Amino acid sequence: MTGPRVIPTWRHGRERLYVRLPDGRNIAWYDREASRVNLLREDHRDEVLHALGPFLTGQVTVGPPPVPTPAELARLSLHPDDDLAPNRPGEALLVDLDRDPGPAHLLRPDPRRRALEAEQTVGEALDRLDGAGWHALHSVPLPGGDRIHHLVIGPGGLFAVHALYARRQRVTVADPLVTLGRRDSRPLLRRVRADADRASYALTAEVRPVLALVGASEVALPAPPREVRVLTEQALPELARLGGVLKPADVEALHATARDRNTWTRV
């Protein structure tokens, strides 16, 4: 073969069709999802379009690759070990359970597994907001062994979300106390607000606290808690309806900052 050939590849879960010269040099790639042909060599434009002809569908933009934004440059320069974006919901608990699964004969379930179920349920709900212009980070590490369960960034602002397992229990929230069923009350809202304050300091932007209740049979709020939004897992999509706070460029810039582990080392 003397002309360019098309090589299909997958990058970050997206299909790309690279156009390569016989000597192995790439001269273009076609991003199906973006409907864009990115030319690395303008003088090979006709050859590229001829090679890609059988693969092109609908309206396609043809031109040089777009100039990366500052947020994209920051992401590209981030070392993989410092990138928090790949973290799974409950990442810290998954690692802990992998290292120490605990005895299998306990009469009561390991509380870590219940906490993991809560974080996974909430994390999956937040990840589904991605199509509405939101980004979710999970298990954001803080100094001292603390962590933010979930950080959500989108058009409606920034939220630090704390997931609480409450399966089949009545939850009473009387600021700052949270009571599950007949258990002793805990001043959990102080922790939720503290997480948001630390995130605000790290990102130099307002981060609002959210308590997400997973599986609660009933939620009692004698009075609205100060600053904290209390939601069940079914109500988390309400966040996607919030807007008017951040522009898309601001969302991307804050996400690029937040996903860097080094951002959180001094809060």
Protein backbone atom coordinates (compact mmCIF):
# COMPACT_ATOMS: atom_id res chain seq x y z
CA MET A 1 0.00 0.00 0.00
CA THR A 2 1.43 3.41 -1.03
CA GLY A 3 -1.27 5.74 0.33
CA PRO A 4 -2.37 6.60 3.86
CA ARG A 5 -4.15 3.92 5.87
CA VAL A 6 -6.73 4.18 8.67
CA ILE A 7 -5.86 2.71 12.08
CA PRO A 8 -8.71 2.47 14.65
CA THR A 9 -7.71 3.02 18.29
CA TRP A 10 -9.32 3.73 21.64
CA ARG A 11 -8.16 6.61 23.89
CA HIS A 12 -9.78 7.33 27.25
CA GLY A 13 -12.82 5.30 26.28
CA ARG A 14 -13.35 7.13 22.97
CA GLU A 15 -12.76 5.74 19.50
CA ARG A 16 -10.34 7.51 17.21
CA LEU A 17 -9.41 6.65 13.64
CA TYR A 18 -5.81 7.63 12.93
CA VAL A 19 -4.63 8.25 9.37
CA ARG A 20 -1.05 7.09 8.99
CA LEU A 21 1.47 7.38 6.16
CA PRO A 22 3.30 4.23 4.96
CA ASP A 23 6.38 5.35 6.92
CA GLY A 24 4.36 5.25 10.18
CA ARG A 25 3.77 8.99 10.69
CA ASN A 26 0.29 10.09 11.78
CA ILE A 27 -1.09 12.90 9.65
CA ALA A 28 -4.65 13.13 11.05
CA TRP A 29 -7.22 11.55 13.31
CA TYR A 30 -11.00 11.34 13.22
CA ASP A 31 -12.91 11.71 16.47
CA ARG A 32 -16.31 10.12 15.84
CA GLU A 33 -17.89 11.52 19.01
CA ALA A 34 -16.84 15.10 18.21
CA SER A 35 -17.45 14.64 14.44
CA ARG A 36 -14.09 16.24 13.78
CA VAL A 37 -11.13 15.41 11.53
CA ASN A 38 -7.97 16.84 13.09
CA LEU A 39 -5.29 17.50 10.46
CA LEU A 40 -1.64 17.43 11.49
CA ARG A 41 -0.52 18.04 7.91
CA GLU A 42 -2.69 20.43 5.87
CA ASP A 43 -0.89 19.43 2.66
CA HIS A 44 -2.33 15.90 3.02
CA ARG A 45 -5.94 17.11 3.41
CA ASP A 46 -7.29 15.48 0.23
CA GLU A 47 -5.54 12.16 0.95
CA VAL A 48 -6.87 12.13 4.51
CA LEU A 49 -10.46 12.76 3.47
CA HIS A 50 -10.20 10.12 0.75
CA ALA A 51 -8.89 7.52 3.22
CA LEU A 52 -11.54 8.38 5.80
CA GLY A 53 -14.36 8.57 3.26
CA PRO A 54 -15.96 5.19 4.17
CA PHE A 55 -15.94 6.11 7.88
CA LEU A 56 -17.31 9.65 7.82
CA THR A 57 -20.97 10.19 8.67
CA GLY A 58 -23.03 13.38 8.81
CA GLN A 59 -21.53 16.85 9.14
CA VAL A 60 -17.81 16.74 9.93
CA THR A 61 -15.50 19.59 10.92
CA VAL A 62 -12.08 19.48 9.27
CA GLY A 63 -9.08 21.44 10.49
CA PRO A 64 -6.05 21.53 12.76
CA PRO A 65 -6.43 20.23 16.32
CA PRO A 66 -8.03 22.82 18.65
CA VAL A 67 -5.69 24.76 20.91
CA PRO A 68 -5.86 23.20 24.40
CA THR A 69 -7.38 25.30 27.16
CA PRO A 70 -5.37 26.08 30.33
CA ALA A 71 -7.45 23.44 32.14
CA GLU A 72 -6.59 20.83 29.51
CA LEU A 73 -2.91 21.73 29.68
CA ALA A 74 -2.97 21.34 33.46
CA ARG A 75 -4.61 17.92 33.12
CA LEU A 76 -2.14 16.76 30.49
CA SER A 77 0.83 17.76 32.67
CA LEU A 78 -0.55 15.97 35.75
CA HIS A 79 1.35 12.86 36.85
CA PRO A 80 -0.96 9.79 36.90
CA ASP A 81 -0.18 9.16 40.59
CA ASP A 82 -1.43 12.66 41.44
CA ASP A 83 -4.63 12.49 39.38
CA LEU A 84 -7.71 11.91 41.56
CA ALA A 85 -10.15 11.70 38.63
CA PRO A 86 -9.79 7.90 38.23
CA ASN A 87 -10.80 7.32 41.86
CA ARG A 88 -13.82 5.05 42.18
CA PRO A 89 -16.64 5.88 44.61
CA GLY A 90 -15.44 4.58 47.96
CA GLU A 91 -11.86 4.23 46.67
CA ALA A 92 -10.29 4.54 50.13
CA LEU A 93 -12.62 1.92 51.61
CA LEU A 94 -12.03 -0.44 48.68
CA VAL A 95 -8.28 -0.22 49.26
CA ASP A 96 -8.70 -0.71 53.01
CA LEU A 97 -10.94 -3.77 52.58
CA ASP A 98 -8.57 -5.24 50.03
CA ARG A 99 -5.70 -4.96 52.51
CA ASP A 100 -7.73 -6.17 55.48
CA PRO A 101 -11.01 -7.92 54.58
CA GLY A 102 -11.66 -8.68 58.24
CA PRO A 103 -13.01 -11.96 59.65
CA ALA A 104 -15.83 -13.59 57.72
CA HIS A 105 -17.67 -15.01 60.76
CA LEU A 106 -18.79 -11.75 62.40
CA LEU A 107 -22.41 -11.69 63.53
CA ARG A 108 -22.72 -8.07 62.48
CA PRO A 109 -21.67 -6.83 59.05
CA ASP A 110 -18.41 -4.93 58.83
CA PRO A 111 -19.36 -1.23 59.11
CA ARG A 112 -16.84 -0.45 56.40
CA ARG A 113 -18.91 -2.43 53.91
CA ARG A 114 -22.03 -0.45 54.79
CA ALA A 115 -20.12 2.78 54.42
CA LEU A 116 -18.80 1.54 51.08
CA GLU A 117 -22.32 0.76 49.87
CA ALA A 118 -23.37 4.30 50.77
CA GLU A 119 -20.44 5.91 48.97
CA GLN A 120 -20.89 3.75 45.88
CA THR A 121 -24.61 4.52 45.70
CA VAL A 122 -24.04 8.25 46.03
CA GLY A 123 -21.01 8.21 43.72
CA GLU A 124 -22.89 6.45 40.95
CA ALA A 125 -25.73 8.97 41.21
CA LEU A 126 -23.28 11.87 41.00
CA ASP A 127 -21.38 10.34 38.07
CA ARG A 128 -24.64 10.33 36.12
CA LEU A 129 -24.65 14.15 36.26
CA ASP A 130 -21.65 14.20 33.91
CA GLY A 131 -23.85 14.67 30.85
CA ALA A 132 -25.29 17.86 32.37
CA GLY A 133 -21.88 19.51 32.56
CA TRP A 134 -20.87 18.34 36.05
CA HIS A 135 -17.72 16.59 37.27
CA ALA A 136 -17.53 14.33 40.36
CA LEU A 137 -14.37 13.40 42.24
CA HIS A 138 -14.41 10.63 44.83
CA SER A 139 -12.40 9.91 48.00
CA VAL A 140 -10.54 13.21 47.94
CA PRO A 141 -7.69 12.76 50.48
CA LEU A 142 -7.08 15.36 53.17
CA PRO A 143 -4.16 15.66 55.60
CA GLY A 144 -4.53 13.67 58.79
CA GLY A 145 -6.22 10.72 57.12
CA ASP A 146 -9.51 12.52 56.52
CA ARG A 147 -11.19 12.63 53.13
CA ILE A 148 -14.10 14.19 51.30
CA HIS A 149 -16.41 11.41 50.15
CA HIS A 150 -17.42 13.23 46.96
CA LEU A 151 -16.69 16.64 45.43
CA VAL A 152 -19.06 17.81 42.70
CA ILE A 153 -18.32 20.71 40.37
CA GLY A 154 -20.79 22.05 37.84
CA PRO A 155 -22.90 24.99 36.63
CA GLY A 156 -24.61 25.20 40.03
CA GLY A 157 -21.33 25.54 41.94
CA LEU A 158 -19.24 23.22 44.10
CA PHE A 159 -20.53 20.73 46.67
CA ALA A 160 -18.76 18.52 49.20
CA VAL A 161 -21.01 15.48 49.62
CA HIS A 162 -20.86 13.19 52.67
CA ALA A 163 -22.57 9.81 52.18
CA LEU A 164 -24.30 8.19 55.17
CA TYR A 165 -25.64 4.63 55.26
CA ALA A 166 -29.15 4.70 56.73
CA ARG A 167 -30.80 1.60 55.26
CA ARG A 168 -34.38 1.16 56.62
CA GLN A 169 -33.82 3.66 59.41
CA ARG A 170 -35.50 6.87 60.44
CA VAL A 171 -33.03 9.74 60.29
CA THR A 172 -33.48 12.83 62.45
CA VAL A 173 -31.35 15.86 61.64
CA ALA A 174 -31.29 18.46 64.41
CA ASP A 175 -28.30 20.67 63.71
CA PRO A 176 -25.57 19.67 64.40
CA LEU A 177 -26.84 16.26 65.50
CA VAL A 178 -27.80 13.37 63.24
CA THR A 179 -29.64 10.38 64.72
CA LEU A 180 -30.09 7.01 63.00
CA GLY A 181 -33.01 5.05 64.43
CA ARG A 182 -32.42 4.48 68.14
CA ARG A 183 -28.69 5.02 68.06
CA ASP A 184 -26.93 7.79 69.90
CA SER A 185 -26.88 11.12 68.12
CA ARG A 186 -23.65 12.34 66.51
CA PRO A 187 -22.68 15.93 65.61
CA LEU A 188 -22.12 14.82 62.02
CA LEU A 189 -23.06 18.16 60.45
CA ARG A 190 -19.93 19.69 61.97
CA ARG A 191 -17.84 17.21 59.99
CA VAL A 192 -19.85 17.87 56.83
CA ARG A 193 -19.38 21.64 57.15
CA ALA A 194 -15.69 21.24 58.02
CA ASP A 195 -15.09 19.20 54.85
CA ALA A 196 -16.70 21.92 52.75
CA ASP A 197 -14.67 24.64 54.50
CA ARG A 198 -11.41 22.79 53.83
CA ALA A 199 -12.37 22.34 50.18
CA SER A 200 -13.21 26.06 49.93
CA TYR A 201 -9.77 26.91 51.30
CA ALA A 202 -8.00 24.54 48.89
CA LEU A 203 -9.87 25.72 45.80
CA THR A 204 -10.32 29.39 46.79
CA ALA A 205 -13.99 29.06 45.86
CA GLU A 206 -17.21 28.55 47.80
CA VAL A 207 -17.95 24.87 48.40
CA ARG A 208 -21.33 24.04 49.90
CA PRO A 209 -21.88 21.03 52.19
CA VAL A 210 -24.32 18.21 51.39
CA LEU A 211 -25.35 15.25 53.54
CA ALA A 212 -26.57 12.38 51.33
CA LEU A 213 -28.71 9.77 53.12
CA VAL A 214 -28.74 6.31 51.53
CA GLY A 215 -31.73 4.03 52.09
CA ALA A 216 -33.43 6.07 54.84
CA SER A 217 -37.02 4.99 55.53
CA GLU A 218 -37.91 8.47 56.80
CA VAL A 219 -36.13 11.80 57.22
CA ALA A 220 -37.12 14.23 59.97
CA LEU A 221 -35.89 17.84 59.85
CA PRO A 222 -37.31 19.78 62.82
CA ALA A 223 -35.61 22.90 61.38
CA PRO A 224 -33.50 23.51 58.26
CA PRO A 225 -29.83 22.95 59.17
CA ARG A 226 -27.47 25.88 58.76
CA GLU A 227 -25.85 25.86 55.29
CA VAL A 228 -26.09 22.06 54.86
CA ARG A 229 -28.31 20.60 52.17
CA VAL A 230 -29.78 17.22 53.24
CA LEU A 231 -30.74 14.92 50.34
CA THR A 232 -31.64 11.28 49.85
CA GLU A 233 -29.88 9.40 47.07
CA GLN A 234 -33.03 9.72 44.93
CA ALA A 235 -32.92 13.51 45.25
CA LEU A 236 -29.26 13.94 44.24
CA PRO A 237 -30.19 14.66 40.58
CA GLU A 238 -31.71 17.91 41.89
CA LEU A 239 -28.17 19.30 41.89
CA ALA A 240 -28.16 19.12 38.08
CA ARG A 241 -31.04 21.59 37.97
CA LEU A 242 -28.96 24.23 39.73
CA GLY A 243 -27.17 26.71 37.51
CA GLY A 244 -26.12 30.28 37.01
CA VAL A 245 -23.07 30.08 39.28
CA LEU A 246 -20.17 28.85 37.15
CA LYS A 247 -19.43 29.18 33.45
CA PRO A 248 -18.22 26.05 31.59
CA ALA A 249 -14.64 27.36 31.49
CA ASP A 250 -14.73 27.94 35.27
CA VAL A 251 -16.06 24.41 35.83
CA GLU A 252 -13.20 22.93 33.81
CA ALA A 253 -10.56 25.07 35.51
CA LEU A 254 -11.80 24.16 39.01
CA HIS A 255 -12.02 20.49 38.07
CA ALA A 256 -8.42 20.58 36.79
CA THR A 257 -7.29 22.07 40.10
CA ALA A 258 -9.37 19.75 42.28
CA ARG A 259 -8.21 16.54 40.60
CA ASP A 260 -4.57 17.33 41.47
CA ARG A 261 -3.66 15.53 44.71
CA ASN A 262 -1.19 18.30 45.57
CA THR A 263 -4.04 20.79 45.85
CA TRP A 264 -5.17 19.09 49.07
CA THR A 265 -1.89 18.68 50.94
CA ARG A 266 -2.14 21.84 53.08
CA VAL A 267 -5.78 22.17 54.10
